[in-house]
PDB file of N, CA and C in Angstrom:
ATOM      1  N   UNK A   1     -15.145 -56.703  -2.753  1.00  0.00           N
ATOM      2  CA  UNK A   1     -14.714 -57.328  -3.720  1.00  0.00           C
ATOM      3  C   UNK A   1     -13.107 -57.264  -4.225  1.00  0.00           C
ATOM      4  N   UNK A   2     -13.015 -56.489  -5.398  1.00  0.00           N
ATOM      5  CA  UNK A   2     -11.778 -56.086  -6.714  1.00  0.00           C
ATOM      6  C   UNK A   2     -10.545 -56.023  -5.353  1.00  0.00           C
ATOM      7  N   UNK A   3     -11.535 -55.149  -4.291  1.00  0.00           N
ATOM      8  CA  UNK A   3     -10.369 -54.691  -3.949  1.00  0.00           C
ATOM      9  C   UNK A   3      -8.959 -55.574  -2.796  1.00  0.00           C
ATOM     10  N   UNK A   4      -9.676 -56.489  -2.624  1.00  0.00           N
ATOM     11  CA  UNK A   4      -9.552 -57.849  -1.865  1.00  0.00           C
ATOM     12  C   UNK A   4      -8.299 -58.741  -3.313  1.00  0.00           C
ATOM     13  N   UNK A   5      -9.574 -58.700  -3.912  1.00  0.00           N
ATOM     14  CA  UNK A   5      -8.797 -59.500  -5.204  1.00  0.00           C
ATOM     15  C   UNK A   5      -7.119 -58.630  -5.267  1.00  0.00           C
ATOM     16  N   UNK A   6      -7.336 -57.957  -5.748  1.00  0.00           N
ATOM     17  CA  UNK A   6      -5.814 -56.480  -6.164  1.00  0.00           C
ATOM     18  C   UNK A   6      -4.962 -56.926  -5.073  1.00  0.00           C
ATOM     19  N   UNK A   7      -5.796 -56.883  -3.408  1.00  0.00           N
ATOM     20  CA  UNK A   7      -4.739 -57.236  -2.038  1.00  0.00           C
ATOM     21  C   UNK A   7      -3.465 -58.770  -2.494  1.00  0.00           C
ATOM     22  N   UNK A   8      -4.644 -59.564  -2.695  1.00  0.00           N
ATOM     23  CA  UNK A   8      -3.739 -61.173  -2.574  1.00  0.00           C
ATOM     24  C   UNK A   8      -3.478 -62.001  -4.186  1.00  0.00           C
ATOM     25  N   UNK A   9      -3.456 -60.885  -4.632  1.00  0.00           N
ATOM     26  CA  UNK A   9      -2.580 -60.743  -5.991  1.00  0.00           C
ATOM     27  C   UNK A   9      -1.282 -60.256  -5.983  1.00  0.00           C
ATOM     28  N   UNK A  10      -0.701 -59.224  -5.302  1.00  0.00           N
ATOM     29  CA  UNK A  10      -0.202 -58.562  -5.292  1.00  0.00           C
ATOM     30  C   UNK A  10       0.384 -58.932  -4.403  1.00  0.00           C
ATOM     31  N   UNK A  11       0.568 -59.263  -2.739  1.00  0.00           N
ATOM     32  CA  UNK A  11       0.768 -60.452  -1.438  1.00  0.00           C
ATOM     33  C   UNK A  11       1.001 -61.455  -2.665  1.00  0.00           C
ATOM     34  N   UNK A  12       0.943 -62.250  -3.504  1.00  0.00           N
ATOM     35  CA  UNK A  12       1.339 -63.227  -4.105  1.00  0.00           C
ATOM     36  C   UNK A  12       2.790 -62.645  -5.294  1.00  0.00           C
ATOM     37  N   UNK A  13       2.176 -62.164  -5.386  1.00  0.00           N
ATOM     38  CA  UNK A  13       3.487 -61.232  -6.655  1.00  0.00           C
ATOM     39  C   UNK A  13       3.971 -61.366  -5.867  1.00  0.00           C
ATOM     40  N   UNK A  14       4.613 -60.575  -4.359  1.00  0.00           N
ATOM     41  CA  UNK A  14       5.484 -60.462  -3.577  1.00  0.00           C
ATOM     42  C   UNK A  14       6.375 -61.240  -2.701  1.00  0.00           C
ATOM     43  N   UNK A  15       5.463 -62.303  -2.799  1.00  0.00           N
ATOM     44  CA  UNK A  15       6.073 -63.716  -2.499  1.00  0.00           C
ATOM     45  C   UNK A  15       6.716 -63.992  -3.548  1.00  0.00           C
ATOM     46  N   UNK A  16       6.117 -64.260  -4.529  1.00  0.00           N
ATOM     47  CA  UNK A  16       7.040 -64.874  -5.650  1.00  0.00           C
ATOM     48  C   UNK A  16       8.539 -63.536  -6.271  1.00  0.00           C
ATOM     49  N   UNK A  17       8.218 -62.416  -5.647  1.00  0.00           N
ATOM     50  CA  UNK A  17      10.062 -61.629  -5.713  1.00  0.00           C
ATOM     51  C   UNK A  17      10.620 -62.028  -4.647  1.00  0.00           C
ATOM     52  N   UNK A  18       9.659 -62.159  -3.789  1.00  0.00           N
ATOM     53  CA  UNK A  18      10.416 -62.690  -2.442  1.00  0.00           C
ATOM     54  C   UNK A  18      11.485 -63.724  -2.833  1.00  0.00           C
ATOM     55  N   UNK A  19      11.470 -65.225  -2.989  1.00  0.00           N
ATOM     56  CA  UNK A  19      11.896 -65.902  -4.271  1.00  0.00           C
ATOM     57  C   UNK A  19      12.680 -65.676  -4.790  1.00  0.00           C
ATOM     58  N   UNK A  20      12.505 -65.275  -4.980  1.00  0.00           N
ATOM     59  CA  UNK A  20      13.363 -64.506  -6.905  1.00  0.00           C
ATOM     60  C   UNK A  20      14.981 -64.041  -5.896  1.00  0.00           C
ATOM     61  N   UNK A  21      14.865 -62.722  -4.969  1.00  0.00           N
ATOM     62  CA  UNK A  21      15.465 -61.681  -4.429  1.00  0.00           C
ATOM     63  C   UNK A  21      15.938 -63.798  -3.533  1.00  0.00           C
ATOM     64  N   UNK A  22      15.888 -64.073  -2.535  1.00  0.00           N
ATOM     65  CA  UNK A  22      16.504 -65.021  -1.696  1.00  0.00           C
ATOM     66  C   UNK A  22      17.700 -65.517  -3.155  1.00  0.00           C
ATOM     67  N   UNK A  23      17.019 -66.946  -4.045  1.00  0.00           N
ATOM     68  CA  UNK A  23      17.918 -66.554  -4.835  1.00  0.00           C
ATOM     69  C   UNK A  23      18.688 -66.183  -5.450  1.00  0.00           C
ATOM     70  N   UNK A  24      18.651 -64.834  -6.055  1.00  0.00           N
ATOM     71  CA  UNK A  24      19.397 -64.416  -6.406  1.00  0.00           C
ATOM     72  C   UNK A  24      21.309 -63.317  -5.358  1.00  0.00           C
ATOM     73  N   UNK A  25      20.074 -64.109  -3.857  1.00  0.00           N
ATOM     74  CA  UNK A  25      20.899 -63.397  -2.822  1.00  0.00           C
ATOM     75  C   UNK A  25      21.638 -65.245  -2.811  1.00  0.00           C
ATOM     76  N   UNK A  26      21.249 -65.773  -2.936  1.00  0.00           N
ATOM     77  CA  UNK A  26      22.381 -67.718  -2.732  1.00  0.00           C
ATOM     78  C   UNK A  26      22.597 -67.842  -4.209  1.00  0.00           C
ATOM     79  N   UNK A  27      23.268 -66.682  -4.680  1.00  0.00           N
ATOM     80  CA  UNK A  27      24.063 -66.961  -6.777  1.00  0.00           C
ATOM     81  C   UNK A  27      25.523 -67.975  -6.193  1.00  0.00           C
ATOM     82  N   UNK A  28      26.123 -67.117  -4.655  1.00  0.00           N
ATOM     83  CA  UNK A  28      27.271 -67.558  -4.783  1.00  0.00           C
ATOM     84  C   UNK A  28      27.634 -69.486  -4.484  1.00  0.00           C
ATOM     85  N   UNK A  29      26.133 -69.464  -3.672  1.00  0.00           N
ATOM     86  CA  UNK A  29      25.542 -71.100  -3.368  1.00  0.00           C
ATOM     87  C   UNK A  29      25.955 -71.692  -4.891  1.00  0.00           C
ATOM     88  N   UNK A  30      24.955 -70.937  -6.154  1.00  0.00           N
ATOM     89  CA  UNK A  30      25.070 -71.403  -7.028  1.00  0.00           C
ATOM     90  C   UNK A  30      26.070 -72.167  -8.153  1.00  0.00           C
ATOM     91  N   UNK A  31      26.886 -70.699  -6.887  1.00  0.00           N
ATOM     92  CA  UNK A  31      28.431 -70.399  -8.355  1.00  0.00           C
ATOM     93  C   UNK A  31      29.284 -71.689  -7.558  1.00  0.00           C
ATOM     94  N   UNK A  32      28.842 -72.215  -6.572  1.00  0.00           N
ATOM     95  CA  UNK A  32      29.936 -73.183  -6.165  1.00  0.00           C
ATOM     96  C   UNK A  32      28.969 -74.630  -6.789  1.00  0.00           C
ATOM     97  N   UNK A  33      28.415 -75.072  -7.097  1.00  0.00           N
ATOM     98  CA  UNK A  33      27.233 -75.160  -7.504  1.00  0.00           C
ATOM     99  C   UNK A  33      27.950 -75.985  -8.716  1.00  0.00           C
ATOM    100  N   UNK A  34      27.719 -74.707  -9.417  1.00  0.00           N
ATOM    101  CA  UNK A  34      28.182 -74.926 -11.646  1.00  0.00           C
ATOM    102  C   UNK A  34      30.154 -75.395 -10.758  1.00  0.00           C
ATOM    103  N   UNK A  35      30.735 -74.769  -9.828  1.00  0.00           N
ATOM    104  CA  UNK A  35      32.141 -75.275 -10.166  1.00  0.00           C
ATOM    105  C   UNK A  35      31.736 -76.462 -10.169  1.00  0.00           C
ATOM    106  N   UNK A  36      31.653 -77.000  -9.279  1.00  0.00           N
ATOM    107  CA  UNK A  36      32.022 -78.592  -8.714  1.00  0.00           C
ATOM    108  C   UNK A  36      31.410 -79.404  -9.890  1.00  0.00           C
ATOM    109  N   UNK A  37      30.276 -79.587 -10.391  1.00  0.00           N
ATOM    110  CA  UNK A  37      29.803 -79.956 -11.577  1.00  0.00           C
ATOM    111  C   UNK A  37      31.109 -79.844 -13.126  1.00  0.00           C
ATOM    112  N   UNK A  38      32.270 -78.617 -12.838  1.00  0.00           N
ATOM    113  CA  UNK A  38      32.098 -78.867 -14.115  1.00  0.00           C
ATOM    114  C   UNK A  38      34.038 -79.803 -13.321  1.00  0.00           C
ATOM    115  N   UNK A  39      34.117 -79.632 -12.725  1.00  0.00           N
ATOM    116  CA  UNK A  39      35.086 -80.134 -11.869  1.00  0.00           C
ATOM    117  C   UNK A  39      35.064 -81.609 -12.181  1.00  0.00           C
ATOM    118  N   UNK A  40      33.854 -82.377 -11.695  1.00  0.00           N
ATOM    119  CA  UNK A  40      33.962 -83.763 -11.115  1.00  0.00           C
ATOM    120  C   UNK A  40      32.839 -83.817 -13.129  1.00  0.00           C
ATOM    121  N   UNK A  41      33.136 -83.431 -13.587  1.00  0.00           N
ATOM    122  CA  UNK A  41      33.483 -83.667 -15.510  1.00  0.00           C
ATOM    123  C   UNK A  41      34.473 -83.775 -15.994  1.00  0.00           C
ATOM    124  N   UNK A  42      35.181 -82.346 -15.957  1.00  0.00           N
ATOM    125  CA  UNK A  42      36.887 -82.777 -16.050  1.00  0.00           C
ATOM    126  C   UNK A  42      37.583 -83.979 -15.873  1.00  0.00           C
ATOM    127  N   UNK A  43      37.786 -84.361 -14.753  1.00  0.00           N
ATOM    128  CA  UNK A  43      37.831 -85.288 -13.596  1.00  0.00           C
ATOM    129  C   UNK A  43      37.453 -86.883 -14.307  1.00  0.00           C
ATOM    130  N   UNK A  44      35.530 -86.504 -14.735  1.00  0.00           N
ATOM    131  CA  UNK A  44      35.344 -87.391 -15.467  1.00  0.00           C
ATOM    132  C   UNK A  44      36.002 -88.705 -17.197  1.00  0.00           C
ATOM    133  N   UNK A  45      36.356 -86.257 -17.386  1.00  0.00           N
ATOM    134  CA  UNK A  45      36.506 -87.328 -19.184  1.00  0.00           C
ATOM    135  C   UNK A  45      38.572 -87.170 -18.582  1.00  0.00           C
ATOM    136  N   UNK A  46      38.610 -87.549 -17.591  1.00  0.00           N
ATOM    137  CA  UNK A  46      40.724 -87.342 -17.814  1.00  0.00           C
ATOM    138  C   UNK A  46      41.173 -88.798 -16.973  1.00  0.00           C
ATOM    139  N   UNK A  47      39.894 -88.768 -16.239  1.00  0.00           N
ATOM    140  CA  UNK A  47      39.555 -90.749 -16.010  1.00  0.00           C
ATOM    141  C   UNK A  47      39.578 -91.483 -17.418  1.00  0.00           C
ATOM    142  N   UNK A  48      38.529 -90.766 -17.931  1.00  0.00           N
ATOM    143  CA  UNK A  48      38.552 -92.339 -19.358  1.00  0.00           C
ATOM    144  C   UNK A  48      39.381 -91.729 -20.380  1.00  0.00           C
ATOM    145  N   UNK A  49      39.643 -90.603 -20.332  1.00  0.00           N
ATOM    146  CA  UNK A  49      41.089 -90.967 -20.951  1.00  0.00           C
ATOM    147  C   UNK A  49      42.712 -91.441 -21.082  1.00  0.00           C
ATOM    148  N   UNK A  50      42.899 -91.829 -18.942  1.00  0.00           N
ATOM    149  CA  UNK A  50      43.489 -92.676 -19.143  1.00  0.00           C
ATOM    150  C   UNK A  50      44.169 -93.927 -19.146  1.00  0.00           C
ATOM    151  N   UNK A  51      42.384 -95.062 -19.309  1.00  0.00           N
ATOM    152  CA  UNK A  51      41.896 -95.389 -18.942  1.00  0.00           C
ATOM    153  C   UNK A  51      42.018 -96.381 -21.192  1.00  0.00           C
TER     154      UNK A  51
END
């Protein structure tokens, strides 16, 4: 029984690591989002300064 439980834990851990690597591979998407948010923030502040 202990061997089966250990296997299940390894499987769950593997899935979590897979998700982590998946997110790391998509790092450029996160970078694009961050740049997008910064541009919107700068645009909003400049618009407020003009008024």
